[in-house]
Amino acid sequence: MMGDYVVVATKIPRRLKELADELGIKPSHVMRKALEDEVRRRLLENLEKRAIELKKRLPEIPDEEIAELIREDRER
């Protein structure tokens, strides 16, 4: 079954399109990859901001305690 798709269009200078055609570049592939990369970058950026905010709210846990909790979890 094919996924749910939408069409996204953009205007580019004619000369750029001509050069892309001459070079065998498919704009749809380039645009899709660029958009995927930017979405991934922004998602990670948002997660990082949320993690920083959460860290500010959480009490400081000593590294030794974290290491002990990880060891205990691995043993389970």
C-alpha atoms as a PDB file:
ATOM      1  CA  MET A   1       0.000   0.000   0.000  1.00  0.00           C
ATOM      2  CA  MET A   2       1.347   3.396  -0.946  1.00  0.00           C
ATOM      3  CA  GLY A   3       1.727   6.088   1.730  1.00  0.00           C
ATOM      4  CA  ASP A   4      -0.238   9.286   1.913  1.00  0.00           C
ATOM      5  CA  TYR A   5       1.552  11.905  -0.187  1.00  0.00           C
ATOM      6  CA  VAL A   6       1.099  15.600  -0.948  1.00  0.00           C
ATOM      7  CA  VAL A   7       2.647  17.715  -3.672  1.00  0.00           C
ATOM      8  CA  VAL A   8       5.033  20.480  -2.642  1.00  0.00           C
ATOM      9  CA  ALA A   9       6.083  22.924  -5.342  1.00  0.00           C
ATOM     10  CA  THR A  10       8.582  25.738  -5.521  1.00  0.00           C
ATOM     11  CA  LYS A  11       9.648  28.235  -8.125  1.00  0.00           C
ATOM     12  CA  ILE A  12      13.275  28.297  -9.214  1.00  0.00           C
ATOM     13  CA  PRO A  13      15.094  30.332 -11.842  1.00  0.00           C
ATOM     14  CA  ARG A  14      14.757  28.882 -15.341  1.00  0.00           C
ATOM     15  CA  ARG A  15      18.552  28.670 -15.753  1.00  0.00           C
ATOM     16  CA  LEU A  16      18.842  26.605 -12.575  1.00  0.00           C
ATOM     17  CA  LYS A  17      16.248  24.152 -13.907  1.00  0.00           C
ATOM     18  CA  GLU A  18      18.069  23.963 -17.262  1.00  0.00           C
ATOM     19  CA  LEU A  19      21.380  23.229 -15.529  1.00  0.00           C
ATOM     20  CA  ALA A  20      19.755  20.604 -13.301  1.00  0.00           C
ATOM     21  CA  ASP A  21      18.276  18.929 -16.383  1.00  0.00           C
ATOM     22  CA  GLU A  22      21.637  18.996 -18.184  1.00  0.00           C
ATOM     23  CA  LEU A  23      23.288  17.396 -15.158  1.00  0.00           C
ATOM     24  CA  GLY A  24      20.557  14.785 -14.743  1.00  0.00           C
ATOM     25  CA  ILE A  25      19.530  16.104 -11.345  1.00  0.00           C
ATOM     26  CA  LYS A  26      15.986  15.276 -10.322  1.00  0.00           C
ATOM     27  CA  PRO A  27      14.735  18.236  -8.255  1.00  0.00           C
ATOM     28  CA  SER A  28      12.137  16.141  -6.454  1.00  0.00           C
ATOM     29  CA  HIS A  29      14.824  13.851  -5.005  1.00  0.00           C
ATOM     30  CA  VAL A  30      16.994  16.778  -3.941  1.00  0.00           C
ATOM     31  CA  MET A  31      14.073  18.660  -2.398  1.00  0.00           C
ATOM     32  CA  ARG A  32      12.797  15.571  -0.582  1.00  0.00           C
ATOM     33  CA  LYS A  33      16.259  14.832   0.877  1.00  0.00           C
ATOM     34  CA  ALA A  34      16.809  18.478   1.872  1.00  0.00           C
ATOM     35  CA  LEU A  35      13.397  18.656   3.541  1.00  0.00           C
ATOM     36  CA  GLU A  36      13.944  15.350   5.377  1.00  0.00           C
ATOM     37  CA  ASP A  37      17.333  16.574   6.619  1.00  0.00           C
ATOM     38  CA  GLU A  38      15.926  19.919   7.783  1.00  0.00           C
ATOM     39  CA  VAL A  39      12.970  18.279   9.550  1.00  0.00           C
ATOM     40  CA  ARG A  40      15.340  15.845  11.292  1.00  0.00           C
ATOM     41  CA  ARG A  41      17.644  18.729  12.310  1.00  0.00           C
ATOM     42  CA  ARG A  42      14.755  20.768  13.721  1.00  0.00           C
ATOM     43  CA  LEU A  43      13.285  17.785  15.589  1.00  0.00           C
ATOM     44  CA  LEU A  44      16.658  17.137  17.219  1.00  0.00           C
ATOM     45  CA  GLU A  45      17.020  20.830  18.016  1.00  0.00           C
ATOM     46  CA  ASN A  46      13.586  20.841  19.681  1.00  0.00           C
ATOM     47  CA  LEU A  47      14.399  17.686  21.645  1.00  0.00           C
ATOM     48  CA  GLU A  48      17.651  19.226  22.823  1.00  0.00           C
ATOM     49  CA  LYS A  49      15.825  22.354  24.015  1.00  0.00           C
ATOM     50  CA  ARG A  50      13.282  20.192  25.864  1.00  0.00           C
ATOM     51  CA  ALA A  51      16.053  18.118  27.436  1.00  0.00           C
ATOM     52  CA  ILE A  52      17.791  21.276  28.664  1.00  0.00           C
ATOM     53  CA  GLU A  53      14.528  22.528  30.180  1.00  0.00           C
ATOM     54  CA  LEU A  54      13.867  19.172  31.856  1.00  0.00           C
ATOM     55  CA  LYS A  55      17.403  19.053  33.201  1.00  0.00           C
ATOM     56  CA  LYS A  56      16.848  22.434  34.858  1.00  0.00           C
ATOM     57  CA  ARG A  57      13.764  21.063  36.624  1.00  0.00           C
ATOM     58  CA  LEU A  58      15.288  17.783  37.804  1.00  0.00           C
ATOM     59  CA  PRO A  59      17.393  17.554  40.925  1.00  0.00           C
ATOM     60  CA  GLU A  60      21.102  16.980  40.389  1.00  0.00           C
ATOM     61  CA  ILE A  61      21.834  13.244  40.553  1.00  0.00           C
ATOM     62  CA  PRO A  62      25.461  12.278  41.256  1.00  0.00           C
ATOM     63  CA  ASP A  63      27.263  10.368  38.476  1.00  0.00           C
ATOM     64  CA  GLU A  64      27.933   7.490  40.865  1.00  0.00           C
ATOM     65  CA  GLU A  65      24.224   7.042  41.521  1.00  0.00           C
ATOM     66  CA  ILE A  66      23.457   7.076  37.798  1.00  0.00           C
ATOM     67  CA  ALA A  67      26.155   4.461  37.172  1.00  0.00           C
ATOM     68  CA  GLU A  68      24.725   2.276  39.958  1.00  0.00           C
ATOM     69  CA  LEU A  69      21.191   2.547  38.542  1.00  0.00           C
ATOM     70  CA  ILE A  70      22.452   1.562  35.090  1.00  0.00           C
ATOM     71  CA  ARG A  71      24.313  -1.453  36.543  1.00  0.00           C
ATOM     72  CA  GLU A  72      21.202  -2.560  38.428  1.00  0.00           C
ATOM     73  CA  ASP A  73      19.053  -2.195  35.312  1.00  0.00           C
ATOM     74  CA  ARG A  74      21.505  -4.276  33.233  1.00  0.00           C
ATOM     75  CA  GLU A  75      21.385  -7.077  35.791  1.00  0.00           C
ATOM     76  CA  ARG A  76      17.618  -7.409  35.421  1.00  0.00           C
END
